Amino acid sequence: MKPSRRPSSSAMTKPSSRYHRYPDADYAVPTPDHFLPLLYILGTAKGELPYTFNNVRNLGSMALTGYAFGL
């Protein structure tokens, strides 16, 4: 599989740690444990593009997509 596309520079400069200020944030991220692990991963990735695996949606919305760095 191909690496994921790199986000636009404007998307990368948005304050991800302030996600709760965005409209519908409570719906998208019901509790912080759904989102905070992403911040750890973004910090350790050091700009590297991830390898995407298991990119499948079940029932139209359930996704268990995985991302690997350093491969």
PDB file of N, CA and C in Angstrom:
ATOM      1  N   MET A   1       0.829  -1.185   0.000  1.00  0.00           N
ATOM      2  CA  MET A   1       0.000   0.000   0.000  1.00  0.00           C
ATOM      3  C   MET A   1       0.868   1.241   0.000  1.00  0.00           C
ATOM      4  N   LYS A   2       0.297   2.317  -0.522  1.00  0.00           N
ATOM      5  CA  LYS A   2       1.005   3.594  -0.549  1.00  0.00           C
ATOM      6  C   LYS A   2       0.906   4.284   0.804  1.00  0.00           C
ATOM      7  N   PRO A   3       1.888   5.110   1.130  1.00  0.00           N
ATOM      8  CA  PRO A   3       1.759   5.931   2.336  1.00  0.00           C
ATOM      9  C   PRO A   3       0.607   6.912   2.173  1.00  0.00           C
ATOM     10  N   SER A   4       0.064   7.360   3.277  1.00  0.00           N
ATOM     11  CA  SER A   4      -1.013   8.337   3.240  1.00  0.00           C
ATOM     12  C   SER A   4      -0.505   9.652   2.678  1.00  0.00           C
ATOM     13  N   ARG A   5      -1.431  10.428   2.103  1.00  0.00           N
ATOM     14  CA  ARG A   5      -1.051  11.747   1.613  1.00  0.00           C
ATOM     15  C   ARG A   5      -0.676  12.632   2.790  1.00  0.00           C
ATOM     16  N   ARG A   6       0.280  13.490   2.581  1.00  0.00           N
ATOM     17  CA  ARG A   6       0.682  14.439   3.622  1.00  0.00           C
ATOM     18  C   ARG A   6      -0.401  15.503   3.733  1.00  0.00           C
ATOM     19  N   PRO A   7      -0.827  15.834   4.966  1.00  0.00           N
ATOM     20  CA  PRO A   7      -1.829  16.886   5.131  1.00  0.00           C
ATOM     21  C   PRO A   7      -1.318  18.227   4.629  1.00  0.00           C
ATOM     22  N   SER A   8      -2.230  19.095   4.263  1.00  0.00           N
ATOM     23  CA  SER A   8      -1.834  20.421   3.803  1.00  0.00           C
ATOM     24  C   SER A   8      -1.133  21.161   4.934  1.00  0.00           C
ATOM     25  N   SER A   9      -0.330  22.155   4.571  1.00  0.00           N
ATOM     26  CA  SER A   9       0.406  22.888   5.599  1.00  0.00           C
ATOM     27  C   SER A   9      -0.541  23.600   6.553  1.00  0.00           C
ATOM     28  N   SER A  10      -1.691  24.056   6.063  1.00  0.00           N
ATOM     29  CA  SER A  10      -2.636  24.718   6.958  1.00  0.00           C
ATOM     30  C   SER A  10      -3.230  23.728   7.955  1.00  0.00           C
ATOM     31  N   ALA A  11      -3.453  22.491   7.534  1.00  0.00           N
ATOM     32  CA  ALA A  11      -3.979  21.477   8.450  1.00  0.00           C
ATOM     33  C   ALA A  11      -2.946  21.119   9.503  1.00  0.00           C
ATOM     34  N   MET A  12      -1.672  21.149   9.140  1.00  0.00           N
ATOM     35  CA  MET A  12      -0.629  20.765  10.088  1.00  0.00           C
ATOM     36  C   MET A  12      -0.350  21.861  11.107  1.00  0.00           C
ATOM     37  N   THR A  13      -0.755  23.094  10.827  1.00  0.00           N
ATOM     38  CA  THR A  13      -0.483  24.173  11.763  1.00  0.00           C
ATOM     39  C   THR A  13      -1.669  24.468  12.678  1.00  0.00           C
ATOM     40  N   LYS A  14      -2.784  23.816  12.465  1.00  0.00           N
ATOM     41  CA  LYS A  14      -3.935  24.023  13.342  1.00  0.00           C
ATOM     42  C   LYS A  14      -3.629  23.418  14.711  1.00  0.00           C
ATOM     43  N   PRO A  15      -4.124  24.035  15.773  1.00  0.00           N
ATOM     44  CA  PRO A  15      -3.827  23.543  17.122  1.00  0.00           C
ATOM     45  C   PRO A  15      -4.628  22.286  17.466  1.00  0.00           C
ATOM     46  N   SER A  16      -4.081  21.139  17.171  1.00  0.00           N
ATOM     47  CA  SER A  16      -4.768  19.875  17.417  1.00  0.00           C
ATOM     48  C   SER A  16      -5.087  19.656  18.881  1.00  0.00           C
ATOM     49  N   SER A  17      -4.288  20.222  19.769  1.00  0.00           N
ATOM     50  CA  SER A  17      -4.531  20.025  21.187  1.00  0.00           C
ATOM     51  C   SER A  17      -5.754  20.798  21.674  1.00  0.00           C
ATOM     52  N   ARG A  18      -6.278  21.682  20.845  1.00  0.00           N
ATOM     53  CA  ARG A  18      -7.478  22.447  21.210  1.00  0.00           C
ATOM     54  C   ARG A  18      -8.690  21.959  20.430  1.00  0.00           C
ATOM     55  N   TYR A  19      -8.740  20.680  20.147  1.00  0.00           N
ATOM     56  CA  TYR A  19      -9.818  20.101  19.344  1.00  0.00           C
ATOM     57  C   TYR A  19     -11.197  20.397  19.914  1.00  0.00           C
ATOM     58  N   HIS A  20     -11.303  20.524  21.232  1.00  0.00           N
ATOM     59  CA  HIS A  20     -12.605  20.716  21.871  1.00  0.00           C
ATOM     60  C   HIS A  20     -13.250  22.062  21.515  1.00  0.00           C
ATOM     61  N   ARG A  21     -12.515  22.964  20.907  1.00  0.00           N
ATOM     62  CA  ARG A  21     -13.062  24.266  20.511  1.00  0.00           C
ATOM     63  C   ARG A  21     -13.768  24.218  19.163  1.00  0.00           C
ATOM     64  N   TYR A  22     -13.601  23.143  18.415  1.00  0.00           N
ATOM     65  CA  TYR A  22     -14.201  23.035  17.091  1.00  0.00           C
ATOM     66  C   TYR A  22     -15.657  22.591  17.197  1.00  0.00           C
ATOM     67  N   PRO A  23     -16.488  23.030  16.231  1.00  0.00           N
ATOM     68  CA  PRO A  23     -17.887  22.604  16.242  1.00  0.00           C
ATOM     69  C   PRO A  23     -17.978  21.078  16.180  1.00  0.00           C
ATOM     70  N   ASP A  24     -18.891  20.524  16.898  1.00  0.00           N
ATOM     71  CA  ASP A  24     -19.154  19.083  16.923  1.00  0.00           C
ATOM     72  C   ASP A  24     -18.006  18.252  17.489  1.00  0.00           C
ATOM     73  N   ALA A  25     -17.081  18.875  18.184  1.00  0.00           N
ATOM     74  CA  ALA A  25     -15.963  18.127  18.763  1.00  0.00           C
ATOM     75  C   ALA A  25     -16.458  17.088  19.762  1.00  0.00           C
ATOM     76  N   ASP A  26     -17.466  17.415  20.527  1.00  0.00           N
ATOM     77  CA  ASP A  26     -18.000  16.460  21.507  1.00  0.00           C
ATOM     78  C   ASP A  26     -18.598  15.237  20.834  1.00  0.00           C
ATOM     79  N   TYR A  27     -19.124  15.411  19.637  1.00  0.00           N
ATOM     80  CA  TYR A  27     -19.681  14.280  18.898  1.00  0.00           C
ATOM     81  C   TYR A  27     -18.563  13.415  18.306  1.00  0.00           C
ATOM     82  N   ALA A  28     -17.555  14.071  17.730  1.00  0.00           N
ATOM     83  CA  ALA A  28     -16.463  13.347  17.085  1.00  0.00           C
ATOM     84  C   ALA A  28     -15.533  12.684  18.091  1.00  0.00           C
ATOM     85  N   VAL A  29     -15.336  13.345  19.236  1.00  0.00           N
ATOM     86  CA  VAL A  29     -14.430  12.850  20.270  1.00  0.00           C
ATOM     87  C   VAL A  29     -15.195  12.864  21.594  1.00  0.00           C
ATOM     88  N   PRO A  30     -15.971  11.802  21.863  1.00  0.00           N
ATOM     89  CA  PRO A  30     -16.809  11.812  23.064  1.00  0.00           C
ATOM     90  C   PRO A  30     -16.023  11.906  24.366  1.00  0.00           C
ATOM     91  N   THR A  31     -14.852  11.305  24.420  1.00  0.00           N
ATOM     92  CA  THR A  31     -13.988  11.393  25.591  1.00  0.00           C
ATOM     93  C   THR A  31     -12.547  11.564  25.104  1.00  0.00           C
ATOM     94  N   PRO A  32     -11.692  12.212  25.885  1.00  0.00           N
ATOM     95  CA  PRO A  32     -10.320  12.483  25.432  1.00  0.00           C
ATOM     96  C   PRO A  32      -9.527  11.221  25.056  1.00  0.00           C
ATOM     97  N   ASP A  33      -9.844  10.079  25.659  1.00  0.00           N
ATOM     98  CA  ASP A  33      -9.071   8.880  25.344  1.00  0.00           C
ATOM     99  C   ASP A  33      -9.277   8.410  23.902  1.00  0.00           C
ATOM    100  N   HIS A  34     -10.243   8.979  23.185  1.00  0.00           N
ATOM    101  CA  HIS A  34     -10.423   8.665  21.772  1.00  0.00           C
ATOM    102  C   HIS A  34      -9.486   9.476  20.884  1.00  0.00           C
ATOM    103  N   PHE A  35      -8.955  10.562  21.395  1.00  0.00           N
ATOM    104  CA  PHE A  35      -8.182  11.473  20.575  1.00  0.00           C
ATOM    105  C   PHE A  35      -6.738  11.682  21.036  1.00  0.00           C
ATOM    106  N   LEU A  36      -6.497  11.718  22.317  1.00  0.00           N
ATOM    107  CA  LEU A  36      -5.162  12.045  22.826  1.00  0.00           C
ATOM    108  C   LEU A  36      -4.058  11.102  22.351  1.00  0.00           C
ATOM    109  N   PRO A  37      -4.314   9.800  22.154  1.00  0.00           N
ATOM    110  CA  PRO A  37      -3.233   8.952  21.609  1.00  0.00           C
ATOM    111  C   PRO A  37      -2.724   9.436  20.251  1.00  0.00           C
ATOM    112  N   LEU A  38      -3.591  10.065  19.474  1.00  0.00           N
ATOM    113  CA  LEU A  38      -3.162  10.602  18.184  1.00  0.00           C
ATOM    114  C   LEU A  38      -2.080  11.660  18.351  1.00  0.00           C
ATOM    115  N   LEU A  39      -2.176  12.459  19.389  1.00  0.00           N
ATOM    116  CA  LEU A  39      -1.158  13.492  19.619  1.00  0.00           C
ATOM    117  C   LEU A  39       0.204  12.873  19.917  1.00  0.00           C
ATOM    118  N   TYR A  40       0.230  11.761  20.640  1.00  0.00           N
ATOM    119  CA  TYR A  40       1.489  11.058  20.894  1.00  0.00           C
ATOM    120  C   TYR A  40       2.089  10.553  19.582  1.00  0.00           C
ATOM    121  N   ILE A  41       1.253   9.984  18.751  1.00  0.00           N
ATOM    122  CA  ILE A  41       1.728   9.433  17.481  1.00  0.00           C
ATOM    123  C   ILE A  41       2.241  10.538  16.572  1.00  0.00           C
ATOM    124  N   LEU A  42       1.527  11.649  16.503  1.00  0.00           N
ATOM    125  CA  LEU A  42       1.986  12.758  15.671  1.00  0.00           C
ATOM    126  C   LEU A  42       3.333  13.283  16.148  1.00  0.00           C
ATOM    127  N   GLY A  43       3.541  13.289  17.446  1.00  0.00           N
ATOM    128  CA  GLY A  43       4.812  13.755  17.984  1.00  0.00           C
ATOM    129  C   GLY A  43       5.962  12.814  17.697  1.00  0.00           C
ATOM    130  N   THR A  44       5.719  11.526  17.729  1.00  0.00           N
ATOM    131  CA  THR A  44       6.797  10.562  17.494  1.00  0.00           C
ATOM    132  C   THR A  44       7.055  10.315  16.017  1.00  0.00           C
ATOM    133  N   ALA A  45       6.129  10.675  15.150  1.00  0.00           N
ATOM    134  CA  ALA A  45       6.286  10.433  13.717  1.00  0.00           C
ATOM    135  C   ALA A  45       7.366  11.310  13.099  1.00  0.00           C
ATOM    136  N   LYS A  46       7.620  12.468  13.670  1.00  0.00           N
ATOM    137  CA  LYS A  46       8.663  13.384  13.191  1.00  0.00           C
ATOM    138  C   LYS A  46       8.516  13.697  11.698  1.00  0.00           C
ATOM    139  N   GLY A  47       7.279  13.890  11.235  1.00  0.00           N
ATOM    140  CA  GLY A  47       7.038  14.248   9.843  1.00  0.00           C
ATOM    141  C   GLY A  47       7.046  13.090   8.871  1.00  0.00           C
ATOM    142  N   GLU A  48       7.301  11.891   9.333  1.00  0.00           N
ATOM    143  CA  GLU A  48       7.337  10.717   8.461  1.00  0.00           C
ATOM    144  C   GLU A  48       5.928  10.362   8.002  1.00  0.00           C
ATOM    145  N   LEU A  49       5.790   9.928   6.755  1.00  0.00           N
ATOM    146  CA  LEU A  49       4.496   9.476   6.258  1.00  0.00           C
ATOM    147  C   LEU A  49       4.218   8.064   6.772  1.00  0.00           C
ATOM    148  N   PRO A  50       3.001   7.792   7.207  1.00  0.00           N
ATOM    149  CA  PRO A  50       2.694   6.464   7.741  1.00  0.00           C
ATOM    150  C   PRO A  50       2.380   5.453   6.651  1.00  0.00           C
ATOM    151  N   TYR A  51       2.600   4.193   6.964  1.00  0.00           N
ATOM    152  CA  TYR A  51       2.124   3.085   6.150  1.00  0.00           C
ATOM    153  C   TYR A  51       0.721   2.773   6.653  1.00  0.00           C
ATOM    154  N   THR A  52      -0.270   2.765   5.750  1.00  0.00           N
ATOM    155  CA  THR A  52      -1.651   2.514   6.120  1.00  0.00           C
ATOM    156  C   THR A  52      -1.986   1.051   5.865  1.00  0.00           C
ATOM    157  N   PHE A  53      -2.583   0.402   6.867  1.00  0.00           N
ATOM    158  CA  PHE A  53      -3.012  -0.982   6.681  1.00  0.00           C
ATOM    159  C   PHE A  53      -4.399  -1.172   7.274  1.00  0.00           C
ATOM    160  N   ASN A  54      -5.052  -2.237   6.867  1.00  0.00           N
ATOM    161  CA  ASN A  54      -6.399  -2.569   7.314  1.00  0.00           C
ATOM    162  C   ASN A  54      -7.358  -1.394   7.087  1.00  0.00           C
ATOM    163  N   ASN A  55      -7.276  -0.813   5.906  1.00  0.00           N
ATOM    164  CA  ASN A  55      -8.089   0.359   5.577  1.00  0.00           C
ATOM    165  C   ASN A  55      -9.449  -0.097   5.038  1.00  0.00           C
ATOM    166  N   VAL A  56     -10.267  -0.634   5.918  1.00  0.00           N
ATOM    167  CA  VAL A  56     -11.570  -1.195   5.555  1.00  0.00           C
ATOM    168  C   VAL A  56     -12.634  -0.587   6.457  1.00  0.00           C
ATOM    169  N   ARG A  57     -13.793  -0.301   5.889  1.00  0.00           N
ATOM    170  CA  ARG A  57     -14.931   0.185   6.670  1.00  0.00           C
ATOM    171  C   ARG A  57     -15.986  -0.912   6.714  1.00  0.00           C
ATOM    172  N   ASN A  58     -16.471  -1.220   7.885  1.00  0.00           N
ATOM    173  CA  ASN A  58     -17.550  -2.191   8.043  1.00  0.00           C
ATOM    174  C   ASN A  58     -18.844  -1.461   8.345  1.00  0.00           C
ATOM    175  N   LEU A  59     -19.918  -1.899   7.744  1.00  0.00           N
ATOM    176  CA  LEU A  59     -21.232  -1.299   7.952  1.00  0.00           C
ATOM    177  C   LEU A  59     -21.249   0.191   7.633  1.00  0.00           C
ATOM    178  N   GLY A  60     -20.356   0.621   6.768  1.00  0.00           N
ATOM    179  CA  GLY A  60     -20.341   1.999   6.322  1.00  0.00           C
ATOM    180  C   GLY A  60     -19.655   2.993   7.231  1.00  0.00           C
ATOM    181  N   SER A  61     -19.336   2.610   8.485  1.00  0.00           N
ATOM    182  CA  SER A  61     -18.719   3.604   9.360  1.00  0.00           C
ATOM    183  C   SER A  61     -17.697   3.048  10.335  1.00  0.00           C
ATOM    184  N   MET A  62     -17.755   1.777  10.677  1.00  0.00           N
ATOM    185  CA  MET A  62     -16.792   1.221  11.638  1.00  0.00           C
ATOM    186  C   MET A  62     -15.463   0.958  10.948  1.00  0.00           C
ATOM    187  N   ALA A  63     -14.438   1.652  11.375  1.00  0.00           N
ATOM    188  CA  ALA A  63     -13.126   1.510  10.758  1.00  0.00           C
ATOM    189  C   ALA A  63     -12.106   1.090  11.805  1.00  0.00           C
ATOM    190  N   LEU A  64     -11.238   0.189  11.421  1.00  0.00           N
ATOM    191  CA  LEU A  64     -10.126  -0.221  12.263  1.00  0.00           C
ATOM    192  C   LEU A  64      -8.823   0.002  11.533  1.00  0.00           C
ATOM    193  N   THR A  65      -8.757   1.135  10.841  1.00  0.00           N
ATOM    194  CA  THR A  65      -7.580   1.463  10.060  1.00  0.00           C
ATOM    195  C   THR A  65      -6.373   1.603  10.976  1.00  0.00           C
ATOM    196  N   GLY A  66      -5.252   1.064  10.526  1.00  0.00           N
ATOM    197  CA  GLY A  66      -4.028   1.149  11.305  1.00  0.00           C
ATOM    198  C   GLY A  66      -2.962   1.915  10.524  1.00  0.00           C
ATOM    199  N   TYR A  67      -2.083   2.541  11.270  1.00  0.00           N
ATOM    200  CA  TYR A  67      -0.979   3.310  10.682  1.00  0.00           C
ATOM    201  C   TYR A  67       0.308   2.874  11.362  1.00  0.00           C
ATOM    202  N   ALA A  68       1.343   2.658  10.557  1.00  0.00           N
ATOM    203  CA  ALA A  68       2.638   2.245  11.097  1.00  0.00           C
ATOM    204  C   ALA A  68       3.711   3.217  10.624  1.00  0.00           C
ATOM    205  N   PHE A  69       4.621   3.533  11.526  1.00  0.00           N
ATOM    206  CA  PHE A  69       5.741   4.415  11.222  1.00  0.00           C
ATOM    207  C   PHE A  69       7.035   3.625  11.392  1.00  0.00           C
ATOM    208  N   GLY A  70       8.059   4.019  10.657  1.00  0.00           N
ATOM    209  CA  GLY A  70       9.370   3.421  10.819  1.00  0.00           C
ATOM    210  C   GLY A  70       9.553   2.101  10.093  1.00  0.00           C
ATOM    211  N   LEU A  71       8.716   1.798   9.131  1.00  0.00           N
ATOM    212  CA  LEU A  71       8.868   0.542   8.382  1.00  0.00           C
ATOM    213  C   LEU A  71       9.693   0.739   7.149  1.00  0.00           C
TER     214      LEU A  71
END
